[in-house]
Amino acid sequence: MRKACTILMLLVGACRDGYSASDLQLVTAYRAKELCSCLFVTGQSEEFCLRYTSEDPNVALPRIDRSRKTVSTAAFLLWGARARFDGPRTGCVLD
């Protein structure tokens, strides 16, 4: 029940007027960028990076593509983000 209430509050909060981006869009973008940086810039383990970038409640579900060096995240099928490793000088960037 607590988790359902939290999700409902996030959805309601995401629909407020006056914001250019929803809270869930910010969460997905943050997780994609930080997870990409953790994995491909600092070279940490996947287990460490998943814990390091998790939020509470954990709504931004990541998908890691090591061959393309990209991280995609999604929340509730409506919000999402993608970050890619751009090189050693620039690190990871959001697409």
N, C-alpha and C. Protein backbone atom coordinates (compact mmCIF):
# COMPACT_ATOMS: atom_id res chain seq x y z
N MET A 1 0.82 -1.19 0.00
CA MET A 1 0.00 0.00 0.00
C MET A 1 0.86 1.26 0.00
N ARG A 2 1.94 1.24 0.77
CA ARG A 2 2.83 2.41 0.84
C ARG A 2 3.46 2.69 -0.52
N LYS A 3 3.87 1.62 -1.21
CA LYS A 3 4.48 1.77 -2.52
C LYS A 3 3.48 2.34 -3.53
N ALA A 4 2.23 1.87 -3.46
CA ALA A 4 1.19 2.37 -4.37
C ALA A 4 0.94 3.86 -4.12
N CYS A 5 0.91 4.27 -2.87
CA CYS A 5 0.71 5.69 -2.54
C CYS A 5 1.87 6.54 -3.05
N THR A 6 3.08 6.03 -2.92
CA THR A 6 4.26 6.76 -3.39
C THR A 6 4.20 6.93 -4.90
N ILE A 7 3.84 5.88 -5.60
CA ILE A 7 3.74 5.94 -7.07
C ILE A 7 2.66 6.93 -7.47
N LEU A 8 1.52 6.90 -6.80
CA LEU A 8 0.44 7.83 -7.10
C LEU A 8 0.89 9.27 -6.87
N MET A 9 1.60 9.52 -5.77
CA MET A 9 2.09 10.87 -5.50
C MET A 9 3.08 11.33 -6.58
N LEU A 10 3.94 10.42 -7.05
CA LEU A 10 4.87 10.77 -8.11
C LEU A 10 4.14 11.12 -9.39
N LEU A 11 3.12 10.33 -9.73
CA LEU A 11 2.36 10.60 -10.95
C LEU A 11 1.61 11.92 -10.86
N VAL A 12 0.99 12.19 -9.73
CA VAL A 12 0.29 13.46 -9.54
C VAL A 12 1.28 14.61 -9.57
N GLY A 13 2.40 14.45 -8.91
CA GLY A 13 3.42 15.49 -8.91
C GLY A 13 4.00 15.76 -10.29
N ALA A 14 4.04 14.74 -11.12
CA ALA A 14 4.57 14.89 -12.47
C ALA A 14 3.63 15.68 -13.37
N CYS A 15 2.37 15.81 -12.99
CA CYS A 15 1.37 16.48 -13.82
C CYS A 15 1.15 17.93 -13.41
N ARG A 16 1.90 18.45 -12.46
CA ARG A 16 1.73 19.84 -12.01
C ARG A 16 2.06 20.82 -13.12
N ASP A 17 1.35 21.95 -13.14
CA ASP A 17 1.64 23.01 -14.11
C ASP A 17 2.85 23.78 -13.64
N GLY A 18 3.55 24.40 -14.58
CA GLY A 18 4.66 25.26 -14.24
C GLY A 18 6.03 24.61 -14.28
N TYR A 19 6.10 23.34 -14.60
CA TYR A 19 7.38 22.65 -14.69
C TYR A 19 7.63 22.27 -16.15
N SER A 20 8.85 22.47 -16.60
CA SER A 20 9.18 22.13 -17.98
C SER A 20 9.46 20.64 -18.14
N ALA A 21 9.80 19.95 -17.08
CA ALA A 21 10.05 18.52 -17.14
C ALA A 21 9.48 17.88 -15.88
N SER A 22 8.92 16.71 -16.02
CA SER A 22 8.33 16.04 -14.87
C SER A 22 9.40 15.47 -13.95
N ASP A 23 9.01 15.22 -12.72
CA ASP A 23 9.93 14.63 -11.77
C ASP A 23 10.41 13.27 -12.26
N LEU A 24 9.52 12.49 -12.87
CA LEU A 24 9.92 11.17 -13.35
C LEU A 24 10.88 11.28 -14.54
N GLN A 25 10.72 12.28 -15.37
CA GLN A 25 11.66 12.49 -16.47
C GLN A 25 13.04 12.82 -15.90
N LEU A 26 13.08 13.62 -14.86
CA LEU A 26 14.36 13.96 -14.23
C LEU A 26 15.02 12.74 -13.60
N VAL A 27 14.22 11.89 -12.95
CA VAL A 27 14.75 10.68 -12.33
C VAL A 27 15.33 9.74 -13.39
N THR A 28 14.62 9.55 -14.50
CA THR A 28 15.12 8.65 -15.53
C THR A 28 16.38 9.20 -16.19
N ALA A 29 16.41 10.51 -16.44
CA ALA A 29 17.60 11.11 -17.05
C ALA A 29 18.80 11.04 -16.11
N TYR A 30 18.58 11.33 -14.83
CA TYR A 30 19.66 11.26 -13.85
C TYR A 30 20.24 9.85 -13.80
N ARG A 31 19.36 8.85 -13.72
CA ARG A 31 19.86 7.48 -13.58
C ARG A 31 20.60 7.03 -14.83
N ALA A 32 20.09 7.37 -16.01
CA ALA A 32 20.77 6.98 -17.25
C ALA A 32 22.17 7.59 -17.31
N LYS A 33 22.27 8.87 -17.04
CA LYS A 33 23.57 9.56 -17.13
C LYS A 33 24.54 9.08 -16.07
N GLU A 34 24.08 8.99 -14.83
CA GLU A 34 24.98 8.58 -13.75
C GLU A 34 25.40 7.11 -13.87
N LEU A 35 24.49 6.25 -14.30
CA LEU A 35 24.83 4.84 -14.48
C LEU A 35 25.82 4.68 -15.62
N CYS A 36 25.61 5.41 -16.70
CA CYS A 36 26.56 5.38 -17.82
C CYS A 36 27.94 5.84 -17.36
N SER A 37 28.00 6.94 -16.64
CA SER A 37 29.29 7.45 -16.15
C SER A 37 29.96 6.48 -15.21
N CYS A 38 29.19 5.89 -14.32
CA CYS A 38 29.74 4.94 -13.35
C CYS A 38 30.35 3.73 -14.06
N LEU A 39 29.64 3.22 -15.07
CA LEU A 39 30.10 2.02 -15.78
C LEU A 39 31.25 2.30 -16.74
N PHE A 40 31.07 3.31 -17.61
CA PHE A 40 31.98 3.48 -18.74
C PHE A 40 33.04 4.55 -18.55
N VAL A 41 32.87 5.44 -17.58
CA VAL A 41 33.90 6.44 -17.31
C VAL A 41 34.78 5.99 -16.15
N THR A 42 34.17 5.62 -15.03
CA THR A 42 34.97 5.22 -13.87
C THR A 42 35.28 3.74 -13.84
N GLY A 43 34.58 2.93 -14.65
CA GLY A 43 34.88 1.51 -14.75
C GLY A 43 34.47 0.67 -13.55
N GLN A 44 33.49 1.13 -12.80
CA GLN A 44 33.01 0.37 -11.64
C GLN A 44 32.20 -0.85 -12.10
N SER A 45 31.96 -1.77 -11.17
CA SER A 45 31.19 -2.97 -11.50
C SER A 45 29.72 -2.61 -11.68
N GLU A 46 29.01 -3.43 -12.43
CA GLU A 46 27.59 -3.21 -12.66
C GLU A 46 26.80 -3.26 -11.35
N GLU A 47 27.14 -4.19 -10.48
CA GLU A 47 26.47 -4.31 -9.19
C GLU A 47 26.62 -3.03 -8.37
N PHE A 48 27.84 -2.50 -8.31
CA PHE A 48 28.08 -1.27 -7.56
C PHE A 48 27.30 -0.10 -8.17
N CYS A 49 27.36 0.05 -9.49
CA CYS A 49 26.71 1.18 -10.16
C CYS A 49 25.20 1.13 -10.03
N LEU A 50 24.61 -0.05 -10.09
CA LEU A 50 23.16 -0.17 -9.92
C LEU A 50 22.73 0.27 -8.53
N ARG A 51 23.52 -0.11 -7.52
CA ARG A 51 23.21 0.34 -6.15
C ARG A 51 23.45 1.83 -5.99
N TYR A 52 24.54 2.32 -6.56
CA TYR A 52 24.92 3.73 -6.43
C TYR A 52 23.89 4.67 -7.05
N THR A 53 23.25 4.24 -8.12
CA THR A 53 22.32 5.12 -8.84
C THR A 53 20.86 4.83 -8.53
N SER A 54 20.57 3.92 -7.63
CA SER A 54 19.16 3.61 -7.35
C SER A 54 18.53 4.70 -6.51
N GLU A 55 17.23 4.85 -6.67
CA GLU A 55 16.47 5.83 -5.91
C GLU A 55 15.40 5.08 -5.13
N ASP A 56 14.72 5.78 -4.24
CA ASP A 56 13.68 5.15 -3.44
C ASP A 56 12.40 5.96 -3.57
N PRO A 57 11.37 5.44 -4.17
CA PRO A 57 11.23 4.10 -4.72
C PRO A 57 11.98 3.98 -6.05
N ASN A 58 12.42 2.78 -6.32
CA ASN A 58 13.21 2.50 -7.51
C ASN A 58 12.28 2.39 -8.72
N VAL A 59 12.07 3.51 -9.42
CA VAL A 59 11.13 3.53 -10.54
C VAL A 59 11.81 3.61 -11.90
N ALA A 60 13.04 4.05 -11.97
CA ALA A 60 13.76 4.18 -13.24
C ALA A 60 14.51 2.89 -13.52
N LEU A 61 13.90 2.02 -14.29
CA LEU A 61 14.49 0.72 -14.58
C LEU A 61 15.49 0.83 -15.72
N PRO A 62 16.75 0.40 -15.48
CA PRO A 62 17.79 0.57 -16.49
C PRO A 62 17.93 -0.63 -17.43
N ARG A 63 18.42 -0.32 -18.63
CA ARG A 63 18.82 -1.34 -19.60
C ARG A 63 20.20 -0.93 -20.11
N ILE A 64 21.19 -1.81 -19.92
CA ILE A 64 22.58 -1.50 -20.24
C ILE A 64 22.98 -2.24 -21.51
N ASP A 65 23.55 -1.52 -22.47
CA ASP A 65 24.07 -2.12 -23.70
C ASP A 65 25.58 -1.88 -23.71
N ARG A 66 26.32 -2.86 -23.27
CA ARG A 66 27.78 -2.71 -23.16
C ARG A 66 28.46 -2.59 -24.52
N SER A 67 27.93 -3.25 -25.54
CA SER A 67 28.57 -3.18 -26.86
C SER A 67 28.47 -1.77 -27.46
N ARG A 68 27.39 -1.07 -27.21
CA ARG A 68 27.21 0.30 -27.71
C ARG A 68 27.57 1.35 -26.67
N LYS A 69 27.85 0.89 -25.45
CA LYS A 69 28.16 1.77 -24.32
C LYS A 69 27.04 2.79 -24.10
N THR A 70 25.83 2.25 -23.96
CA THR A 70 24.66 3.09 -23.70
C THR A 70 23.89 2.54 -22.51
N VAL A 71 23.14 3.44 -21.87
CA VAL A 71 22.24 3.07 -20.79
C VAL A 71 20.90 3.74 -21.07
N SER A 72 19.84 2.95 -21.08
CA SER A 72 18.49 3.48 -21.24
C SER A 72 17.73 3.21 -19.96
N THR A 73 16.87 4.15 -19.59
CA THR A 73 16.03 3.96 -18.41
C THR A 73 14.59 4.27 -18.78
N ALA A 74 13.66 3.63 -18.06
CA ALA A 74 12.24 3.86 -18.29
C ALA A 74 11.51 3.82 -16.96
N ALA A 75 10.44 4.62 -16.88
CA ALA A 75 9.58 4.63 -15.69
C ALA A 75 8.13 4.65 -16.16
N PHE A 76 7.39 3.63 -15.80
CA PHE A 76 5.95 3.54 -16.08
C PHE A 76 5.61 3.65 -17.56
N LEU A 77 6.49 3.26 -18.44
CA LEU A 77 6.28 3.26 -19.89
C LEU A 77 6.03 4.64 -20.50
N LEU A 78 6.04 5.68 -19.71
CA LEU A 78 5.77 7.03 -20.22
C LEU A 78 7.00 7.92 -20.22
N TRP A 79 7.92 7.68 -19.32
CA TRP A 79 9.11 8.51 -19.18
C TRP A 79 10.34 7.66 -19.43
N GLY A 80 11.34 8.26 -20.04
CA GLY A 80 12.56 7.52 -20.28
C GLY A 80 13.69 8.43 -20.71
N ALA A 81 14.89 7.87 -20.71
CA ALA A 81 16.07 8.62 -21.10
C ALA A 81 17.13 7.65 -21.60
N ARG A 82 18.08 8.19 -22.37
CA ARG A 82 19.17 7.37 -22.87
C ARG A 82 20.46 8.19 -22.78
N ALA A 83 21.49 7.56 -22.24
CA ALA A 83 22.81 8.19 -22.16
C ALA A 83 23.81 7.29 -22.89
N ARG A 84 24.79 7.92 -23.52
CA ARG A 84 25.81 7.15 -24.24
C ARG A 84 27.18 7.68 -23.88
N PHE A 85 28.15 6.78 -23.91
CA PHE A 85 29.54 7.16 -23.67
C PHE A 85 30.05 7.83 -24.94
N ASP A 86 30.46 9.10 -24.82
CA ASP A 86 30.87 9.89 -25.98
C ASP A 86 32.38 9.91 -26.17
N GLY A 87 33.12 9.49 -25.18
CA GLY A 87 34.58 9.47 -25.28
C GLY A 87 35.22 9.86 -23.97
N PRO A 88 36.53 9.69 -23.88
CA PRO A 88 37.21 9.96 -22.60
C PRO A 88 37.21 11.44 -22.20
N ARG A 89 37.13 12.35 -23.15
CA ARG A 89 37.13 13.78 -22.81
C ARG A 89 35.77 14.28 -22.37
N THR A 90 34.70 13.77 -22.95
CA THR A 90 33.35 14.26 -22.63
C THR A 90 32.56 13.32 -21.75
N GLY A 91 32.98 12.06 -21.63
CA GLY A 91 32.26 11.11 -20.79
C GLY A 91 30.93 10.72 -21.37
N CYS A 92 29.90 10.64 -20.54
CA CYS A 92 28.57 10.24 -20.98
C CYS A 92 27.70 11.47 -21.18
N VAL A 93 26.86 11.41 -22.20
CA VAL A 93 25.95 12.51 -22.51
C VAL A 93 24.55 11.93 -22.71
N LEU A 94 23.55 12.75 -22.42
CA LEU A 94 22.16 12.35 -22.66
C LEU A 94 21.82 12.57 -24.12
N ASP A 95 21.11 11.62 -24.69
CA ASP A 95 20.61 11.77 -26.07
C ASP A 95 19.28 12.49 -26.06
